[in-house]
C-alpha atoms as a PDB file:
ATOM      1  CA  UNK A   1      69.305  62.126 107.069  1.00  0.00           C
ATOM      2  CA  UNK A   2      70.784  60.207 103.786  1.00  0.00           C
ATOM      3  CA  UNK A   3      72.035  62.552 101.301  1.00  0.00           C
ATOM      4  CA  UNK A   4      69.585  61.450  98.883  1.00  0.00           C
ATOM      5  CA  UNK A   5      67.031  62.376 101.639  1.00  0.00           C
ATOM      6  CA  UNK A   6      68.880  66.157 102.260  1.00  0.00           C
ATOM      7  CA  UNK A   7      68.444  66.840  98.550  1.00  0.00           C
ATOM      8  CA  UNK A   8      65.061  65.986  98.879  1.00  0.00           C
ATOM      9  CA  UNK A   9      64.227  67.884 101.688  1.00  0.00           C
ATOM     10  CA  UNK A  10      66.470  71.064 100.356  1.00  0.00           C
ATOM     11  CA  UNK A  11      64.333  70.636  97.132  1.00  0.00           C
ATOM     12  CA  UNK A  12      60.703  70.301  98.980  1.00  0.00           C
ATOM     13  CA  UNK A  13      61.875  73.142 101.371  1.00  0.00           C
ATOM     14  CA  UNK A  14      62.110  75.973  98.830  1.00  0.00           C
ATOM     15  CA  UNK A  15      58.826  75.084  97.553  1.00  0.00           C
ATOM     16  CA  UNK A  16      56.851  76.479  96.257  1.00  0.00           C
ATOM     17  CA  UNK A  17      58.886  78.615  93.805  1.00  0.00           C
ATOM     18  CA  UNK A  18      58.195  80.215  90.956  1.00  0.00           C
ATOM     19  CA  UNK A  19      59.990  77.208  88.693  1.00  0.00           C
ATOM     20  CA  UNK A  20      56.976  75.026  90.695  1.00  0.00           C
ATOM     21  CA  UNK A  21      54.630  76.846  89.872  1.00  0.00           C
ATOM     22  CA  UNK A  22      55.567  77.453  86.165  1.00  0.00           C
ATOM     23  CA  UNK A  23      55.926  73.943  85.821  1.00  0.00           C
ATOM     24  CA  UNK A  24      52.350  73.196  87.342  1.00  0.00           C
ATOM     25  CA  UNK A  25      50.553  76.041  85.246  1.00  0.00           C
ATOM     26  CA  UNK A  26      52.535  74.287  81.986  1.00  0.00           C
ATOM     27  CA  UNK A  27      51.227  70.971  82.559  1.00  0.00           C
ATOM     28  CA  UNK A  28      54.648  69.395  83.751  1.00  0.00           C
ATOM     29  CA  UNK A  29      53.450  65.707  84.592  1.00  0.00           C
ATOM     30  CA  UNK A  30      56.328  63.563  85.915  1.00  0.00           C
ATOM     31  CA  UNK A  31      59.062  64.608  88.761  1.00  0.00           C
ATOM     32  CA  UNK A  32      59.177  61.354  89.925  1.00  0.00           C
ATOM     33  CA  UNK A  33      63.346  59.780  90.143  1.00  0.00           C
ATOM     34  CA  UNK A  34      64.197  57.495  87.597  1.00  0.00           C
ATOM     35  CA  UNK A  35      61.236  56.451  86.406  1.00  0.00           C
ATOM     36  CA  UNK A  36      59.248  55.850  89.245  1.00  0.00           C
ATOM     37  CA  UNK A  37      55.695  56.832  87.943  1.00  0.00           C
ATOM     38  CA  UNK A  38      56.535  55.309  84.611  1.00  0.00           C
ATOM     39  CA  UNK A  39      57.209  51.858  86.329  1.00  0.00           C
ATOM     40  CA  UNK A  40      54.145  51.933  88.197  1.00  0.00           C
ATOM     41  CA  UNK A  41      51.944  53.187  85.430  1.00  0.00           C
ATOM     42  CA  UNK A  42      53.328  49.920  83.483  1.00  0.00           C
ATOM     43  CA  UNK A  43      52.064  47.535  86.530  1.00  0.00           C
ATOM     44  CA  UNK A  44      48.556  49.059  86.859  1.00  0.00           C
ATOM     45  CA  UNK A  45      47.828  49.018  83.143  1.00  0.00           C
ATOM     46  CA  UNK A  46      48.794  44.872  83.045  1.00  0.00           C
ATOM     47  CA  UNK A  47      46.250  44.713  85.697  1.00  0.00           C
ATOM     48  CA  UNK A  48      44.067  46.503  83.698  1.00  0.00           C
ATOM     49  CA  UNK A  49      43.624  49.218  86.478  1.00  0.00           C
ATOM     50  CA  UNK A  50      43.159  52.424  84.237  1.00  0.00           C
ATOM     51  CA  UNK A  51      40.330  54.712  86.124  1.00  0.00           C
ATOM     52  CA  UNK A  52      39.717  55.188  89.683  1.00  0.00           C
ATOM     53  CA  UNK A  53      42.155  54.696  92.145  1.00  0.00           C
ATOM     54  CA  UNK A  54      42.783  55.115  95.883  1.00  0.00           C
ATOM     55  CA  UNK A  55      46.224  55.996  96.546  1.00  0.00           C
ATOM     56  CA  UNK A  56      47.942  56.529  99.779  1.00  0.00           C
ATOM     57  CA  UNK A  57      51.771  58.161  99.583  1.00  0.00           C
ATOM     58  CA  UNK A  58      53.591  57.931 102.519  1.00  0.00           C
ATOM     59  CA  UNK A  59      56.542  60.535 102.469  1.00  0.00           C
ATOM     60  CA  UNK A  60      54.754  62.661  99.972  1.00  0.00           C
ATOM     61  CA  UNK A  61      57.285  65.445 100.571  1.00  0.00           C
ATOM     62  CA  UNK A  62      55.496  69.087  98.518  1.00  0.00           C
ATOM     63  CA  UNK A  63      53.209  66.759  96.332  1.00  0.00           C
ATOM     64  CA  UNK A  64      54.646  68.006  93.520  1.00  0.00           C
ATOM     65  CA  UNK A  65      59.058  67.239  93.465  1.00  0.00           C
ATOM     66  CA  UNK A  66      59.969  63.773  93.169  1.00  0.00           C
ATOM     67  CA  UNK A  67      56.350  62.645  94.388  1.00  0.00           C
ATOM     68  CA  UNK A  68      54.086  60.084  93.094  1.00  0.00           C
ATOM     69  CA  UNK A  69      50.630  61.945  93.839  1.00  0.00           C
ATOM     70  CA  UNK A  70      51.167  64.405  91.040  1.00  0.00           C
ATOM     71  CA  UNK A  71      51.351  62.461  88.112  1.00  0.00           C
ATOM     72  CA  UNK A  72      48.825  60.461  89.255  1.00  0.00           C
ATOM     73  CA  UNK A  73      46.080  63.091  89.784  1.00  0.00           C
ATOM     74  CA  UNK A  74      47.157  63.753  86.266  1.00  0.00           C
ATOM     75  CA  UNK A  75      46.921  60.621  84.543  1.00  0.00           C
ATOM     76  CA  UNK A  76      43.833  58.874  86.968  1.00  0.00           C
ATOM     77  CA  UNK A  77      40.947  59.344  88.715  1.00  0.00           C
ATOM     78  CA  UNK A  78      42.124  59.244  92.074  1.00  0.00           C
ATOM     79  CA  UNK A  79      41.574  59.932  95.545  1.00  0.00           C
ATOM     80  CA  UNK A  80      44.607  60.217  97.355  1.00  0.00           C
ATOM     81  CA  UNK A  81      45.921  60.367 101.126  1.00  0.00           C
ATOM     82  CA  UNK A  82      49.338  62.345 100.913  1.00  0.00           C
ATOM     83  CA  UNK A  83      51.172  61.851 104.353  1.00  0.00           C
ATOM     84  CA  UNK A  84      54.129  64.374 105.562  1.00  0.00           C
ATOM     85  CA  UNK A  85      55.336  65.310 108.750  1.00  0.00           C
ATOM     86  CA  UNK A  86      56.811  68.503 107.315  1.00  0.00           C
ATOM     87  CA  UNK A  87      53.691  71.111 107.374  1.00  0.00           C
ATOM     88  CA  UNK A  88      55.365  73.405 105.052  1.00  0.00           C
ATOM     89  CA  UNK A  89      55.701  70.843 102.180  1.00  0.00           C
ATOM     90  CA  UNK A  90      52.126  69.450 103.248  1.00  0.00           C
ATOM     91  CA  UNK A  91      50.353  73.139 102.757  1.00  0.00           C
ATOM     92  CA  UNK A  92      52.035  73.280  99.542  1.00  0.00           C
ATOM     93  CA  UNK A  93      50.385  70.164  98.279  1.00  0.00           C
ATOM     94  CA  UNK A  94      47.112  71.398  99.466  1.00  0.00           C
ATOM     95  CA  UNK A  95      47.597  73.949  97.426  1.00  0.00           C
ATOM     96  CA  UNK A  96      48.190  71.965  94.655  1.00  0.00           C
ATOM     97  CA  UNK A  97      45.535  69.920  94.976  1.00  0.00           C
ATOM     98  CA  UNK A  98      42.617  71.754  96.850  1.00  0.00           C
ATOM     99  CA  UNK A  99      39.991  70.794  93.720  1.00  0.00           C
ATOM    100  CA  UNK A 100      40.635  67.201  94.182  1.00  0.00           C
ATOM    101  CA  UNK A 101      39.810  64.401  96.119  1.00  0.00           C
ATOM    102  CA  UNK A 102      42.967  64.356  98.161  1.00  0.00           C
ATOM    103  CA  UNK A 103      43.672  64.247 101.881  1.00  0.00           C
ATOM    104  CA  UNK A 104      46.165  65.597 104.310  1.00  0.00           C
ATOM    105  CA  UNK A 105      47.934  63.892 107.193  1.00  0.00           C
ATOM    106  CA  UNK A 106      51.217  65.827 109.146  1.00  0.00           C
ATOM    107  CA  UNK A 107      50.891  62.493 111.582  1.00  0.00           C
ATOM    108  CA  UNK A 108      54.255  60.799 112.496  1.00  0.00           C
ATOM    109  CA  UNK A 109      53.973  57.350 111.291  1.00  0.00           C
ATOM    110  CA  UNK A 110      55.142  54.477 112.918  1.00  0.00           C
ATOM    111  CA  UNK A 111      54.291  50.396 112.766  1.00  0.00           C
ATOM    112  CA  UNK A 112      51.624  51.167 115.792  1.00  0.00           C
ATOM    113  CA  UNK A 113      49.747  53.392 114.519  1.00  0.00           C
ATOM    114  CA  UNK A 114      49.989  53.745 110.809  1.00  0.00           C
ATOM    115  CA  UNK A 115      46.700  50.888 109.934  1.00  0.00           C
ATOM    116  CA  UNK A 116      44.811  53.276 112.372  1.00  0.00           C
ATOM    117  CA  UNK A 117      45.762  56.761 110.604  1.00  0.00           C
ATOM    118  CA  UNK A 118      44.910  55.133 107.007  1.00  0.00           C
ATOM    119  CA  UNK A 119      41.491  53.740 108.002  1.00  0.00           C
ATOM    120  CA  UNK A 120      40.855  56.861 109.759  1.00  0.00           C
ATOM    121  CA  UNK A 121      40.635  58.351 106.593  1.00  0.00           C
ATOM    122  CA  UNK A 122      38.713  55.871 104.615  1.00  0.00           C
ATOM    123  CA  UNK A 123      41.316  53.862 103.268  1.00  0.00           C
ATOM    124  CA  UNK A 124      40.941  50.112 103.983  1.00  0.00           C
ATOM    125  CA  UNK A 125      41.905  48.791 101.026  1.00  0.00           C
ATOM    126  CA  UNK A 126      43.867  51.339  98.780  1.00  0.00           C
ATOM    127  CA  UNK A 127      44.430  50.380  94.779  1.00  0.00           C
ATOM    128  CA  UNK A 128      48.101  52.016  95.683  1.00  0.00           C
ATOM    129  CA  UNK A 129      50.551  52.224  99.039  1.00  0.00           C
ATOM    130  CA  UNK A 130      53.642  54.152  98.349  1.00  0.00           C
ATOM    131  CA  UNK A 131      56.502  54.626 101.269  1.00  0.00           C
ATOM    132  CA  UNK A 132      59.567  56.283 101.396  1.00  0.00           C
ATOM    133  CA  UNK A 133      60.891  57.691 104.347  1.00  0.00           C
ATOM    134  CA  UNK A 134      64.306  56.844 104.242  1.00  0.00           C
ATOM    135  CA  UNK A 135      64.302  55.133 107.798  1.00  0.00           C
ATOM    136  CA  UNK A 136      62.180  52.440 108.996  1.00  0.00           C
ATOM    137  CA  UNK A 137      60.665  51.955 106.430  1.00  0.00           C
ATOM    138  CA  UNK A 138      59.749  47.706 105.997  1.00  0.00           C
ATOM    139  CA  UNK A 139      58.796  47.954 109.763  1.00  0.00           C
ATOM    140  CA  UNK A 140      55.807  50.657 108.715  1.00  0.00           C
ATOM    141  CA  UNK A 141      54.995  48.025 105.941  1.00  0.00           C
ATOM    142  CA  UNK A 142      54.765  45.305 108.175  1.00  0.00           C
ATOM    143  CA  UNK A 143      52.510  47.633 110.312  1.00  0.00           C
ATOM    144  CA  UNK A 144      50.126  47.749 107.275  1.00  0.00           C
ATOM    145  CA  UNK A 145      49.874  44.582 105.872  1.00  0.00           C
ATOM    146  CA  UNK A 146      49.739  42.609 109.509  1.00  0.00           C
ATOM    147  CA  UNK A 147      46.914  44.443 110.083  1.00  0.00           C
ATOM    148  CA  UNK A 148      44.930  43.448 106.727  1.00  0.00           C
ATOM    149  CA  UNK A 149      45.383  46.831 104.307  1.00  0.00           C
ATOM    150  CA  UNK A 150      46.358  44.935 101.480  1.00  0.00           C
ATOM    151  CA  UNK A 151      46.365  46.816  98.323  1.00  0.00           C
ATOM    152  CA  UNK A 152      46.523  45.655  95.000  1.00  0.00           C
ATOM    153  CA  UNK A 153      49.977  46.794  94.742  1.00  0.00           C
ATOM    154  CA  UNK A 154      52.603  48.961  96.881  1.00  0.00           C
ATOM    155  CA  UNK A 155      56.226  50.027  96.292  1.00  0.00           C
ATOM    156  CA  UNK A 156      58.545  50.473  98.946  1.00  0.00           C
ATOM    157  CA  UNK A 157      61.872  52.304  98.575  1.00  0.00           C
ATOM    158  CA  UNK A 158      64.774  50.051  98.744  1.00  0.00           C
ATOM    159  CA  UNK A 159      68.564  50.791  99.678  1.00  0.00           C
ATOM    160  CA  UNK A 160      70.050  50.432  96.583  1.00  0.00           C
ATOM    161  CA  UNK A 161      73.499  49.167  97.802  1.00  0.00           C
ATOM    162  CA  UNK A 162      72.323  46.113  99.094  1.00  0.00           C
ATOM    163  CA  UNK A 163      72.349  43.588  96.245  1.00  0.00           C
ATOM    164  CA  UNK A 164      69.910  40.371  96.816  1.00  0.00           C
ATOM    165  CA  UNK A 165      70.486  38.259  98.991  1.00  0.00           C
ATOM    166  CA  UNK A 166      71.971  40.515 101.380  1.00  0.00           C
ATOM    167  CA  UNK A 167      69.689  40.998 104.174  1.00  0.00           C
ATOM    168  CA  UNK A 168      69.102  44.506 106.098  1.00  0.00           C
ATOM    169  CA  UNK A 169      66.349  46.511 107.526  1.00  0.00           C
ATOM    170  CA  UNK A 170      66.469  49.487 110.409  1.00  0.00           C
ATOM    171  CA  UNK A 171      63.848  48.947 112.900  1.00  0.00           C
ATOM    172  CA  UNK A 172      61.498  51.117 114.884  1.00  0.00           C
ATOM    173  CA  UNK A 173      62.316  51.050 118.368  1.00  0.00           C
ATOM    174  CA  UNK A 174      59.854  53.331 120.180  1.00  0.00           C
ATOM    175  CA  UNK A 175      61.527  56.777 118.663  1.00  0.00           C
ATOM    176  CA  UNK A 176      61.903  58.556 115.381  1.00  0.00           C
ATOM    177  CA  UNK A 177      65.590  58.681 114.900  1.00  0.00           C
ATOM    178  CA  UNK A 178      67.125  60.295 111.251  1.00  0.00           C
ATOM    179  CA  UNK A 179      69.136  57.766 109.346  1.00  0.00           C
ATOM    180  CA  UNK A 180      72.466  58.380 107.511  1.00  0.00           C
ATOM    181  CA  UNK A 181      73.752  57.347 104.306  1.00  0.00           C
ATOM    182  CA  UNK A 182      74.471  54.585 103.547  1.00  0.00           C
ATOM    183  CA  UNK A 183      72.753  52.823 106.406  1.00  0.00           C
ATOM    184  CA  UNK A 184      68.722  53.539 105.934  1.00  0.00           C
ATOM    185  CA  UNK A 185      65.673  51.815 104.933  1.00  0.00           C
ATOM    186  CA  UNK A 186      65.865  48.213 104.229  1.00  0.00           C
ATOM    187  CA  UNK A 187      67.460  45.962 101.272  1.00  0.00           C
ATOM    188  CA  UNK A 188      65.680  44.680  98.176  1.00  0.00           C
ATOM    189  CA  UNK A 189      65.651  41.172  99.587  1.00  0.00           C
ATOM    190  CA  UNK A 190      64.062  42.108 102.810  1.00  0.00           C
ATOM    191  CA  UNK A 191      61.307  43.714 101.479  1.00  0.00           C
ATOM    192  CA  UNK A 192      60.683  40.229  98.994  1.00  0.00           C
ATOM    193  CA  UNK A 193      60.818  38.223 101.933  1.00  0.00           C
ATOM    194  CA  UNK A 194      57.932  39.687 103.994  1.00  0.00           C
ATOM    195  CA  UNK A 195      55.948  40.166 100.519  1.00  0.00           C
ATOM    196  CA  UNK A 196      56.233  36.200  99.737  1.00  0.00           C
ATOM    197  CA  UNK A 197      55.027  35.830 103.569  1.00  0.00           C
ATOM    198  CA  UNK A 198      52.505  38.289 102.715  1.00  0.00           C
ATOM    199  CA  UNK A 199      51.161  37.085  99.139  1.00  0.00           C
ATOM    200  CA  UNK A 200      52.861  39.649  97.139  1.00  0.00           C
ATOM    201  CA  UNK A 201      55.304  38.994  93.852  1.00  0.00           C
ATOM    202  CA  UNK A 202      58.019  41.853  93.179  1.00  0.00           C
ATOM    203  CA  UNK A 203      57.051  42.818  89.751  1.00  0.00           C
ATOM    204  CA  UNK A 204      59.219  45.564  89.094  1.00  0.00           C
ATOM    205  CA  UNK A 205      62.252  47.508  90.171  1.00  0.00           C
ATOM    206  CA  UNK A 206      62.875  51.425  89.049  1.00  0.00           C
ATOM    207  CA  UNK A 207      66.137  51.963  90.146  1.00  0.00           C
ATOM    208  CA  UNK A 208      65.496  52.267  94.247  1.00  0.00           C
ATOM    209  CA  UNK A 209      61.819  51.968  93.524  1.00  0.00           C
ATOM    210  CA  UNK A 210      60.368  48.230  93.962  1.00  0.00           C
ATOM    211  CA  UNK A 211      56.906  47.181  93.060  1.00  0.00           C
ATOM    212  CA  UNK A 212      54.678  44.154  94.439  1.00  0.00           C
ATOM    213  CA  UNK A 213      51.492  43.064  93.184  1.00  0.00           C
ATOM    214  CA  UNK A 214      48.820  40.726  95.320  1.00  0.00           C
ATOM    215  CA  UNK A 215      49.466  37.305  93.984  1.00  0.00           C
ATOM    216  CA  UNK A 216      45.930  36.800  93.133  1.00  0.00           C
ATOM    217  CA  UNK A 217      46.127  39.924  90.647  1.00  0.00           C
ATOM    218  CA  UNK A 218      49.194  38.649  88.744  1.00  0.00           C
ATOM    219  CA  UNK A 219      48.004  38.534  84.879  1.00  0.00           C
ATOM    220  CA  UNK A 220      49.473  39.052  81.683  1.00  0.00           C
ATOM    221  CA  UNK A 221      52.994  40.179  81.260  1.00  0.00           C
ATOM    222  CA  UNK A 222      53.818  40.380  84.902  1.00  0.00           C
ATOM    223  CA  UNK A 223      56.218  38.099  85.997  1.00  0.00           C
ATOM    224  CA  UNK A 224      57.300  37.252  89.623  1.00  0.00           C
ATOM    225  CA  UNK A 225      60.840  37.573  90.598  1.00  0.00           C
ATOM    226  CA  UNK A 226      60.438  36.980  94.145  1.00  0.00           C
ATOM    227  CA  UNK A 227      62.566  33.768  93.257  1.00  0.00           C
ATOM    228  CA  UNK A 228      65.251  35.550  91.453  1.00  0.00           C
ATOM    229  CA  UNK A 229      64.987  39.142  92.917  1.00  0.00           C
ATOM    230  CA  UNK A 230      69.296  39.252  91.940  1.00  0.00           C
ATOM    231  CA  UNK A 231      67.948  39.245  88.214  1.00  0.00           C
ATOM    232  CA  UNK A 232      65.878  42.253  88.591  1.00  0.00           C
ATOM    233  CA  UNK A 233      68.042  43.899  90.603  1.00  0.00           C
ATOM    234  CA  UNK A 234      70.746  43.619  87.887  1.00  0.00           C
ATOM    235  CA  UNK A 235      68.033  45.204  85.100  1.00  0.00           C
ATOM    236  CA  UNK A 236      66.540  47.220  87.594  1.00  0.00           C
ATOM    237  CA  UNK A 237      69.615  49.491  88.907  1.00  0.00           C
ATOM    238  CA  UNK A 238      72.818  47.532  88.691  1.00  0.00           C
ATOM    239  CA  UNK A 239      73.421  47.884  84.794  1.00  0.00           C
ATOM    240  CA  UNK A 240      71.771  51.059  84.381  1.00  0.00           C
ATOM    241  CA  UNK A 241      72.954  54.305  84.761  1.00  0.00           C
ATOM    242  CA  UNK A 242      72.550  54.236  88.634  1.00  0.00           C
ATOM    243  CA  UNK A 243      76.072  56.664  88.859  1.00  0.00           C
ATOM    244  CA  UNK A 244      74.217  59.471  86.675  1.00  0.00           C
ATOM    245  CA  UNK A 245      71.166  59.465  89.611  1.00  0.00           C
ATOM    246  CA  UNK A 246      72.815  58.330  92.290  1.00  0.00           C
ATOM    247  CA  UNK A 247      76.355  59.813  92.076  1.00  0.00           C
ATOM    248  CA  UNK A 248      76.887  60.088  95.907  1.00  0.00           C
ATOM    249  CA  UNK A 249      76.831  56.155  96.052  1.00  0.00           C
ATOM    250  CA  UNK A 250      80.201  55.697  94.107  1.00  0.00           C
ATOM    251  CA  UNK A 251      82.399  56.113  96.642  1.00  0.00           C
ATOM    252  CA  UNK A 252      80.484  52.619  97.882  1.00  0.00           C
ATOM    253  CA  UNK A 253      80.906  51.135  94.296  1.00  0.00           C
ATOM    254  CA  UNK A 254      82.775  48.063  95.989  1.00  0.00           C
ATOM    255  CA  UNK A 255      79.831  46.969  98.104  1.00  0.00           C
ATOM    256  CA  UNK A 256      77.955  46.043  95.165  1.00  0.00           C
ATOM    257  CA  UNK A 257      80.470  43.718  94.034  1.00  0.00           C
ATOM    258  CA  UNK A 258      81.020  42.285  97.561  1.00  0.00           C
ATOM    259  CA  UNK A 259      80.037  38.930  98.876  1.00  0.00           C
ATOM    260  CA  UNK A 260      77.293  38.446 101.392  1.00  0.00           C
ATOM    261  CA  UNK A 261      80.362  37.657 104.092  1.00  0.00           C
ATOM    262  CA  UNK A 262      82.124  40.826 102.917  1.00  0.00           C
ATOM    263  CA  UNK A 263      79.138  43.231 102.933  1.00  0.00           C
ATOM    264  CA  UNK A 264      77.831  42.025 106.283  1.00  0.00           C
ATOM    265  CA  UNK A 265      81.540  42.843 107.713  1.00  0.00           C
ATOM    266  CA  UNK A 266      81.781  46.290 105.875  1.00  0.00           C
ATOM    267  CA  UNK A 267      77.770  47.216 107.058  1.00  0.00           C
ATOM    268  CA  UNK A 268      78.843  46.034 110.859  1.00  0.00           C
ATOM    269  CA  UNK A 269      82.557  47.976 110.756  1.00  0.00           C
ATOM    270  CA  UNK A 270      80.608  51.203 108.982  1.00  0.00           C
ATOM    271  CA  UNK A 271      81.039  54.593 111.813  1.00  0.00           C
ATOM    272  CA  UNK A 272      77.302  54.752 111.280  1.00  0.00           C
ATOM    273  CA  UNK A 273      75.643  51.199 112.059  1.00  0.00           C
ATOM    274  CA  UNK A 274      73.505  50.878 114.850  1.00  0.00           C
ATOM    275  CA  UNK A 275      72.891  47.452 116.217  1.00  0.00           C
ATOM    276  CA  UNK A 276      70.074  48.515 118.759  1.00  0.00           C
ATOM    277  CA  UNK A 277      68.209  49.539 115.425  1.00  0.00           C
ATOM    278  CA  UNK A 278      69.655  48.002 112.329  1.00  0.00           C
ATOM    279  CA  UNK A 279      69.586  44.017 111.354  1.00  0.00           C
ATOM    280  CA  UNK A 280      71.832  42.219 109.428  1.00  0.00           C
ATOM    281  CA  UNK A 281      70.524  38.643 108.229  1.00  0.00           C
END
């Protein structure tokens, strides 16, 4: 489990708390990390998507802390599917959204079952899908897109320690194995490669959350960074106040300045590198 995931889990484990309930009652709308919801809102408005939205939140937690679901429910007329294997966290989400058109699922997802699970809840072509499981995120995304569930917009949490053009990903090997920092998820470039193959464009990066739009819908001020992901990485993460939001990354700052060959060596020499389920390419 990554340091970030531990922090998320700790925050979510203590919910529901008095503070959470008070914030909800007072109308606290956005507790996403690093401006995630603000970035999503800009993308949706650029596409003139301002009303009814179907969305899927994979790795939803308690639906409030660091969750995209809560601000979505406040800002848009939404039909949502929250997927979270932690039953206690999911129960808190059920209480928050008891009057909303939301569905809930505690099943462990993998690339083989994810499309069937989404379809079983009636999400054949959602407006937006978010993936944040700190593990085989990219393989999960493949399982969605290759089975022709093609959202207008999707976001995926990337491993912010891997600047383009470095490629890294954790693969699904048939079992759920927790990942540890700093080797989790996928690099931005690996996500861009899959997106390009599936006819999507990278349009925004809010620190470690990358947003993609289906190419046929690209319009207005949206710009594709598929061929220049390094530029967006610099403006969306590297040249921002990442040390304040990601203090656990400071000890790996030298990774951010390393060449692709140097980073390749650093990753493979790391104690947590597992060649049976991690690939560098």
